[in-house]
C-alpha atoms as a PDB file:
ATOM      1  CA  UNK A   1       0.220  -0.012   0.034  1.00  0.00           C
ATOM      2  CA  UNK A   2       2.959   2.259   0.842  1.00  0.00           C
ATOM      3  CA  UNK A   3       4.366   1.729  -2.653  1.00  0.00           C
ATOM      4  CA  UNK A   4       1.184   2.524  -4.507  1.00  0.00           C
ATOM      5  CA  UNK A   5       0.596   5.846  -2.312  1.00  0.00           C
ATOM      6  CA  UNK A   6       4.308   6.587  -3.201  1.00  0.00           C
ATOM      7  CA  UNK A   7       3.680   5.683  -6.791  1.00  0.00           C
ATOM      8  CA  UNK A   8       0.552   7.629  -6.868  1.00  0.00           C
ATOM      9  CA  UNK A   9       2.259  10.509  -5.759  1.00  0.00           C
ATOM     10  CA  UNK A  10       5.012  10.431  -8.339  1.00  0.00           C
ATOM     11  CA  UNK A  11       2.563  10.192 -11.078  1.00  0.00           C
ATOM     12  CA  UNK A  12       0.817  13.193  -9.570  1.00  0.00           C
ATOM     13  CA  UNK A  13       3.874  15.003  -9.712  1.00  0.00           C
ATOM     14  CA  UNK A  14       4.615  13.894 -13.276  1.00  0.00           C
ATOM     15  CA  UNK A  15       1.331  15.109 -14.592  1.00  0.00           C
ATOM     16  CA  UNK A  16       1.961  18.635 -12.377  1.00  0.00           C
ATOM     17  CA  UNK A  17       5.140  18.920 -13.787  1.00  0.00           C
ATOM     18  CA  UNK A  18       4.147  18.715 -17.555  1.00  0.00           C
ATOM     19  CA  UNK A  19       1.270  20.831 -16.987  1.00  0.00           C
ATOM     20  CA  UNK A  20       3.477  23.223 -15.518  1.00  0.00           C
ATOM     21  CA  UNK A  21       5.604  23.150 -18.282  1.00  0.00           C
ATOM     22  CA  UNK A  22       3.082  23.694 -20.720  1.00  0.00           C
ATOM     23  CA  UNK A  23       1.401  26.649 -18.914  1.00  0.00           C
ATOM     24  CA  UNK A  24       4.785  28.321 -18.204  1.00  0.00           C
ATOM     25  CA  UNK A  25       6.136  27.941 -21.702  1.00  0.00           C
ATOM     26  CA  UNK A  26       2.924  29.323 -23.006  1.00  0.00           C
ATOM     27  CA  UNK A  27       2.828  32.425 -20.797  1.00  0.00           C
ATOM     28  CA  UNK A  28       6.246  33.375 -21.515  1.00  0.00           C
ATOM     29  CA  UNK A  29       6.279  32.442 -25.189  1.00  0.00           C
ATOM     30  CA  UNK A  30       4.001  35.427 -25.445  1.00  0.00           C
ATOM     31  CA  UNK A  31       6.478  37.785 -23.959  1.00  0.00           C
ATOM     32  CA  UNK A  32       8.839  39.318 -26.500  1.00  0.00           C
ATOM     33  CA  UNK A  33      12.416  40.014 -25.479  1.00  0.00           C
ATOM     34  CA  UNK A  34      13.318  43.322 -25.434  1.00  0.00           C
ATOM     35  CA  UNK A  35      16.198  43.026 -27.920  1.00  0.00           C
ATOM     36  CA  UNK A  36      14.301  41.179 -30.494  1.00  0.00           C
ATOM     37  CA  UNK A  37      16.504  38.481 -30.840  1.00  0.00           C
ATOM     38  CA  UNK A  38      15.426  34.791 -31.903  1.00  0.00           C
ATOM     39  CA  UNK A  39      16.363  31.526 -30.301  1.00  0.00           C
ATOM     40  CA  UNK A  40      18.776  30.715 -33.210  1.00  0.00           C
ATOM     41  CA  UNK A  41      20.657  34.042 -32.998  1.00  0.00           C
ATOM     42  CA  UNK A  42      21.128  33.849 -29.000  1.00  0.00           C
ATOM     43  CA  UNK A  43      22.262  30.181 -29.674  1.00  0.00           C
ATOM     44  CA  UNK A  44      24.793  31.108 -32.011  1.00  0.00           C
ATOM     45  CA  UNK A  45      26.104  34.271 -30.175  1.00  0.00           C
ATOM     46  CA  UNK A  46      26.264  32.192 -26.966  1.00  0.00           C
ATOM     47  CA  UNK A  47      28.516  29.459 -28.959  1.00  0.00           C
ATOM     48  CA  UNK A  48      30.728  32.294 -30.305  1.00  0.00           C
ATOM     49  CA  UNK A  49      31.177  33.638 -26.841  1.00  0.00           C
ATOM     50  CA  UNK A  50      32.334  30.213 -25.519  1.00  0.00           C
ATOM     51  CA  UNK A  51      34.531  29.358 -28.493  1.00  0.00           C
ATOM     52  CA  UNK A  52      32.460  26.900 -29.979  1.00  0.00           C
ATOM     53  CA  UNK A  53      32.835  27.160 -33.957  1.00  0.00           C
ATOM     54  CA  UNK A  54      31.942  23.307 -34.915  1.00  0.00           C
ATOM     55  CA  UNK A  55      28.080  23.184 -33.636  1.00  0.00           C
ATOM     56  CA  UNK A  56      25.429  23.679 -36.078  1.00  0.00           C
ATOM     57  CA  UNK A  57      22.269  25.248 -35.261  1.00  0.00           C
ATOM     58  CA  UNK A  58      19.458  23.835 -37.036  1.00  0.00           C
ATOM     59  CA  UNK A  59      15.501  23.802 -37.095  1.00  0.00           C
ATOM     60  CA  UNK A  60      13.591  20.840 -35.886  1.00  0.00           C
ATOM     61  CA  UNK A  61      10.083  19.915 -36.564  1.00  0.00           C
ATOM     62  CA  UNK A  62       7.614  19.277 -33.284  1.00  0.00           C
ATOM     63  CA  UNK A  63       6.686  21.419 -30.170  1.00  0.00           C
ATOM     64  CA  UNK A  64       9.358  21.527 -27.465  1.00  0.00           C
ATOM     65  CA  UNK A  65      11.664  19.185 -29.631  1.00  0.00           C
ATOM     66  CA  UNK A  66      14.704  20.845 -28.979  1.00  0.00           C
ATOM     67  CA  UNK A  67      17.798  19.010 -28.051  1.00  0.00           C
ATOM     68  CA  UNK A  68      21.654  19.025 -28.572  1.00  0.00           C
ATOM     69  CA  UNK A  69      22.961  15.981 -30.505  1.00  0.00           C
ATOM     70  CA  UNK A  70      26.730  15.377 -29.200  1.00  0.00           C
ATOM     71  CA  UNK A  71      27.282  12.582 -31.752  1.00  0.00           C
ATOM     72  CA  UNK A  72      26.601  14.916 -34.870  1.00  0.00           C
ATOM     73  CA  UNK A  73      27.443  18.288 -32.861  1.00  0.00           C
ATOM     74  CA  UNK A  74      24.214  19.557 -33.736  1.00  0.00           C
ATOM     75  CA  UNK A  75      21.919  21.972 -31.742  1.00  0.00           C
ATOM     76  CA  UNK A  76      18.384  21.458 -33.067  1.00  0.00           C
ATOM     77  CA  UNK A  77      15.634  23.869 -31.988  1.00  0.00           C
ATOM     78  CA  UNK A  78      11.910  23.829 -32.499  1.00  0.00           C
ATOM     79  CA  UNK A  79      10.374  26.214 -35.055  1.00  0.00           C
ATOM     80  CA  UNK A  80       8.769  28.282 -32.051  1.00  0.00           C
ATOM     81  CA  UNK A  81      12.484  28.387 -30.650  1.00  0.00           C
ATOM     82  CA  UNK A  82      14.333  28.822 -33.579  1.00  0.00           C
ATOM     83  CA  UNK A  83      12.752  31.732 -34.948  1.00  0.00           C
ATOM     84  CA  UNK A  84      11.013  32.972 -31.705  1.00  0.00           C
ATOM     85  CA  UNK A  85      11.800  36.316 -30.126  1.00  0.00           C
ATOM     86  CA  UNK A  86      10.134  35.560 -26.835  1.00  0.00           C
ATOM     87  CA  UNK A  87      11.527  34.989 -23.232  1.00  0.00           C
ATOM     88  CA  UNK A  88      10.615  31.332 -23.310  1.00  0.00           C
ATOM     89  CA  UNK A  89      12.229  30.698 -26.592  1.00  0.00           C
ATOM     90  CA  UNK A  90      15.722  32.447 -25.555  1.00  0.00           C
ATOM     91  CA  UNK A  91      15.606  30.238 -22.395  1.00  0.00           C
ATOM     92  CA  UNK A  92      15.131  27.074 -24.309  1.00  0.00           C
ATOM     93  CA  UNK A  93      17.694  27.992 -26.646  1.00  0.00           C
ATOM     94  CA  UNK A  94      20.299  28.979 -23.990  1.00  0.00           C
ATOM     95  CA  UNK A  95      19.471  25.803 -22.017  1.00  0.00           C
ATOM     96  CA  UNK A  96      20.165  23.310 -25.271  1.00  0.00           C
ATOM     97  CA  UNK A  97      23.083  25.522 -26.073  1.00  0.00           C
ATOM     98  CA  UNK A  98      24.170  24.805 -22.516  1.00  0.00           C
ATOM     99  CA  UNK A  99      24.427  21.144 -23.374  1.00  0.00           C
ATOM    100  CA  UNK A 100      26.837  21.908 -26.375  1.00  0.00           C
ATOM    101  CA  UNK A 101      29.027  23.792 -23.796  1.00  0.00           C
ATOM    102  CA  UNK A 102      29.111  20.922 -21.441  1.00  0.00           C
ATOM    103  CA  UNK A 103      30.057  18.799 -24.544  1.00  0.00           C
ATOM    104  CA  UNK A 104      32.896  21.072 -25.457  1.00  0.00           C
ATOM    105  CA  UNK A 105      34.198  21.235 -21.650  1.00  0.00           C
ATOM    106  CA  UNK A 106      33.842  17.422 -21.225  1.00  0.00           C
ATOM    107  CA  UNK A 107      31.573  17.971 -18.408  1.00  0.00           C
ATOM    108  CA  UNK A 108      31.717  14.719 -16.410  1.00  0.00           C
ATOM    109  CA  UNK A 109      27.866  13.900 -15.889  1.00  0.00           C
ATOM    110  CA  UNK A 110      27.347  14.659 -19.816  1.00  0.00           C
ATOM    111  CA  UNK A 111      30.490  12.166 -20.362  1.00  0.00           C
ATOM    112  CA  UNK A 112      29.014   9.645 -18.245  1.00  0.00           C
ATOM    113  CA  UNK A 113      25.297  10.067 -19.511  1.00  0.00           C
ATOM    114  CA  UNK A 114      26.633   9.657 -23.175  1.00  0.00           C
ATOM    115  CA  UNK A 115      28.387   6.429 -22.080  1.00  0.00           C
ATOM    116  CA  UNK A 116      25.243   5.012 -20.395  1.00  0.00           C
ATOM    117  CA  UNK A 117      22.923   5.582 -23.710  1.00  0.00           C
ATOM    118  CA  UNK A 118      23.547   2.350 -25.203  1.00  0.00           C
ATOM    119  CA  UNK A 119      23.160   0.476 -21.825  1.00  0.00           C
ATOM    120  CA  UNK A 120      19.853   2.539 -21.016  1.00  0.00           C
ATOM    121  CA  UNK A 121      18.587   1.685 -24.282  1.00  0.00           C
ATOM    122  CA  UNK A 122      19.414  -1.801 -24.000  1.00  0.00           C
ATOM    123  CA  UNK A 123      17.895  -2.035 -20.538  1.00  0.00           C
ATOM    124  CA  UNK A 124      14.819  -0.113 -21.373  1.00  0.00           C
ATOM    125  CA  UNK A 125      14.123  -2.734 -24.326  1.00  0.00           C
ATOM    126  CA  UNK A 126      15.273  -5.956 -22.565  1.00  0.00           C
ATOM    127  CA  UNK A 127      14.156  -5.337 -18.910  1.00  0.00           C
ATOM    128  CA  UNK A 128      10.101  -6.260 -19.075  1.00  0.00           C
ATOM    129  CA  UNK A 129      10.492  -8.820 -21.738  1.00  0.00           C
ATOM    130  CA  UNK A 130      12.961 -10.859 -19.201  1.00  0.00           C
ATOM    131  CA  UNK A 131      10.851 -10.399 -16.454  1.00  0.00           C
ATOM    132  CA  UNK A 132       7.615 -11.668 -18.179  1.00  0.00           C
ATOM    133  CA  UNK A 133       9.404 -14.684 -19.665  1.00  0.00           C
ATOM    134  CA  UNK A 134      11.106 -15.318 -16.141  1.00  0.00           C
ATOM    135  CA  UNK A 135       7.809 -15.348 -14.617  1.00  0.00           C
ATOM    136  CA  UNK A 136       6.641 -18.308 -16.907  1.00  0.00           C
ATOM    137  CA  UNK A 137       9.407 -20.394 -15.767  1.00  0.00           C
ATOM    138  CA  UNK A 138      10.034 -22.261 -12.509  1.00  0.00           C
ATOM    139  CA  UNK A 139      12.954 -22.830 -10.452  1.00  0.00           C
ATOM    140  CA  UNK A 140      16.393 -21.342 -10.993  1.00  0.00           C
ATOM    141  CA  UNK A 141      15.694 -20.115 -14.571  1.00  0.00           C
ATOM    142  CA  UNK A 142      12.735 -18.178 -13.543  1.00  0.00           C
ATOM    143  CA  UNK A 143      14.982 -16.347 -10.621  1.00  0.00           C
ATOM    144  CA  UNK A 144      17.898 -15.726 -13.019  1.00  0.00           C
ATOM    145  CA  UNK A 145      15.682 -14.043 -15.760  1.00  0.00           C
ATOM    146  CA  UNK A 146      13.951 -11.787 -13.426  1.00  0.00           C
ATOM    147  CA  UNK A 147      17.021 -10.815 -11.901  1.00  0.00           C
ATOM    148  CA  UNK A 148      18.694 -10.351 -15.233  1.00  0.00           C
ATOM    149  CA  UNK A 149      15.581  -8.056 -16.339  1.00  0.00           C
ATOM    150  CA  UNK A 150      15.872  -6.143 -12.790  1.00  0.00           C
ATOM    151  CA  UNK A 151      19.604  -5.375 -13.727  1.00  0.00           C
ATOM    152  CA  UNK A 152      18.730  -4.236 -17.250  1.00  0.00           C
ATOM    153  CA  UNK A 153      15.797  -2.004 -15.748  1.00  0.00           C
ATOM    154  CA  UNK A 154      18.349  -0.609 -13.149  1.00  0.00           C
ATOM    155  CA  UNK A 155      20.549   0.640 -16.004  1.00  0.00           C
ATOM    156  CA  UNK A 156      17.492   2.650 -17.177  1.00  0.00           C
ATOM    157  CA  UNK A 157      16.897   3.859 -13.702  1.00  0.00           C
ATOM    158  CA  UNK A 158      20.660   4.976 -13.396  1.00  0.00           C
ATOM    159  CA  UNK A 159      20.223   6.909 -16.977  1.00  0.00           C
ATOM    160  CA  UNK A 160      17.448   9.052 -15.600  1.00  0.00           C
ATOM    161  CA  UNK A 161      19.139   9.824 -12.063  1.00  0.00           C
ATOM    162  CA  UNK A 162      22.327  11.005 -14.076  1.00  0.00           C
ATOM    163  CA  UNK A 163      20.291  13.198 -16.439  1.00  0.00           C
ATOM    164  CA  UNK A 164      19.178  15.270 -13.295  1.00  0.00           C
ATOM    165  CA  UNK A 165      22.868  17.080 -12.674  1.00  0.00           C
ATOM    166  CA  UNK A 166      23.093  17.310 -16.536  1.00  0.00           C
ATOM    167  CA  UNK A 167      19.971  19.170 -16.838  1.00  0.00           C
ATOM    168  CA  UNK A 168      20.244  21.454 -13.861  1.00  0.00           C
ATOM    169  CA  UNK A 169      23.858  22.371 -14.972  1.00  0.00           C
ATOM    170  CA  UNK A 170      22.748  23.112 -18.381  1.00  0.00           C
ATOM    171  CA  UNK A 171      19.917  25.561 -16.885  1.00  0.00           C
ATOM    172  CA  UNK A 172      22.358  27.254 -14.754  1.00  0.00           C
ATOM    173  CA  UNK A 173      24.865  27.819 -17.479  1.00  0.00           C
ATOM    174  CA  UNK A 174      21.932  29.104 -19.487  1.00  0.00           C
ATOM    175  CA  UNK A 175      20.642  31.670 -16.835  1.00  0.00           C
ATOM    176  CA  UNK A 176      24.369  33.035 -16.135  1.00  0.00           C
ATOM    177  CA  UNK A 177      24.882  33.525 -19.827  1.00  0.00           C
ATOM    178  CA  UNK A 178      21.728  35.258 -20.670  1.00  0.00           C
ATOM    179  CA  UNK A 179      22.195  37.395 -17.446  1.00  0.00           C
ATOM    180  CA  UNK A 180      25.811  38.196 -17.690  1.00  0.00           C
ATOM    181  CA  UNK A 181      25.984  38.953 -21.255  1.00  0.00           C
ATOM    182  CA  UNK A 182      22.817  40.993 -21.117  1.00  0.00           C
ATOM    183  CA  UNK A 183      20.389  38.620 -23.708  1.00  0.00           C
ATOM    184  CA  UNK A 184      17.845  39.409 -21.072  1.00  0.00           C
ATOM    185  CA  UNK A 185      17.040  42.028 -18.527  1.00  0.00           C
ATOM    186  CA  UNK A 186      16.265  41.303 -14.867  1.00  0.00           C
ATOM    187  CA  UNK A 187      12.650  40.533 -15.289  1.00  0.00           C
ATOM    188  CA  UNK A 188      12.866  38.752 -18.255  1.00  0.00           C
ATOM    189  CA  UNK A 189      15.654  36.573 -16.389  1.00  0.00           C
ATOM    190  CA  UNK A 190      13.033  35.775 -13.891  1.00  0.00           C
ATOM    191  CA  UNK A 191      10.625  34.213 -16.480  1.00  0.00           C
ATOM    192  CA  UNK A 192      13.346  32.346 -18.056  1.00  0.00           C
ATOM    193  CA  UNK A 193      14.259  30.610 -14.765  1.00  0.00           C
ATOM    194  CA  UNK A 194      10.302  29.836 -14.279  1.00  0.00           C
ATOM    195  CA  UNK A 195      10.319  28.265 -17.702  1.00  0.00           C
ATOM    196  CA  UNK A 196      13.471  26.067 -17.206  1.00  0.00           C
ATOM    197  CA  UNK A 197      12.779  25.340 -13.531  1.00  0.00           C
ATOM    198  CA  UNK A 198       9.462  23.918 -14.675  1.00  0.00           C
ATOM    199  CA  UNK A 199      11.019  21.738 -17.488  1.00  0.00           C
ATOM    200  CA  UNK A 200      13.475  20.272 -14.856  1.00  0.00           C
ATOM    201  CA  UNK A 201      10.668  19.235 -12.688  1.00  0.00           C
ATOM    202  CA  UNK A 202       9.502  16.635 -15.431  1.00  0.00           C
ATOM    203  CA  UNK A 203      13.112  15.104 -15.052  1.00  0.00           C
ATOM    204  CA  UNK A 204      12.746  14.990 -11.337  1.00  0.00           C
ATOM    205  CA  UNK A 205       9.400  13.063 -11.684  1.00  0.00           C
ATOM    206  CA  UNK A 206      10.777  10.892 -14.511  1.00  0.00           C
ATOM    207  CA  UNK A 207      13.313   9.685 -11.895  1.00  0.00           C
ATOM    208  CA  UNK A 208      11.233   9.239  -8.773  1.00  0.00           C
ATOM    209  CA  UNK A 209       8.774   7.088 -10.785  1.00  0.00           C
ATOM    210  CA  UNK A 210      11.812   4.914 -12.051  1.00  0.00           C
ATOM    211  CA  UNK A 211      13.264   4.428  -8.799  1.00  0.00           C
ATOM    212  CA  UNK A 212       9.900   3.629  -7.138  1.00  0.00           C
ATOM    213  CA  UNK A 213       9.413   1.003  -9.878  1.00  0.00           C
ATOM    214  CA  UNK A 214      12.663  -0.564  -9.420  1.00  0.00           C
ATOM    215  CA  UNK A 215      12.131  -0.676  -5.724  1.00  0.00           C
ATOM    216  CA  UNK A 216       8.697  -2.422  -6.302  1.00  0.00           C
ATOM    217  CA  UNK A 217      10.372  -4.929  -8.620  1.00  0.00           C
ATOM    218  CA  UNK A 218      12.830  -5.591  -5.909  1.00  0.00           C
ATOM    219  CA  UNK A 219      10.545  -6.086  -3.164  1.00  0.00           C
ATOM    220  CA  UNK A 220       8.185  -8.540  -5.463  1.00  0.00           C
ATOM    221  CA  UNK A 221      11.177 -10.451  -6.303  1.00  0.00           C
ATOM    222  CA  UNK A 222      12.530 -10.594  -2.817  1.00  0.00           C
ATOM    223  CA  UNK A 223       8.901 -12.165  -1.836  1.00  0.00           C
ATOM    224  CA  UNK A 224       9.324 -14.770  -4.682  1.00  0.00           C
ATOM    225  CA  UNK A 225      12.518 -16.009  -2.960  1.00  0.00           C
ATOM    226  CA  UNK A 226      11.141 -16.297   0.462  1.00  0.00           C
END
């Protein structure tokens, strides 16, 4: 019962975080920045200020699909951010550029997360099939497959935890640069902070749900072995 209560709270947190992101982004996407700069222009300026000349800034389809791809060294911004001149657009563009800076400076948690990507993908793909198949068998085979499935799921959980400092650091870098280089003024900075803080909570919620699910699997497997 305690697990389900915590899981319910985590799911409520996830839903609340997602709703907060949408409402906060919508609010500050309607507030133009005073310098009239686009997300693309700010991203390019931050890259130059950071001495980074080998990262491309491209437009990508979708809403809030912004991301930095370290494999191709490409910063992809959704249309509303790429062409946008709002406080929200500049905040998101600066955040994603923060990931490019992390890559350039070999930020330890980003390096670790990049190393974890294939393991996390493998864990997400194999964990539940292994657990399900293990439940169909009896004896030692069952325990082995279920244990292996939980280990694979644990890899995905570790990835979500490592993601947290990466995202928080990128947001911190973004706000510092936007403020120190006067891309945004004081009240605009407050708006950008709110947008990035709301986005960060979605990662916190995802990590909380993943951890609770792992604890549930460990508890269930423990009972099977009693």
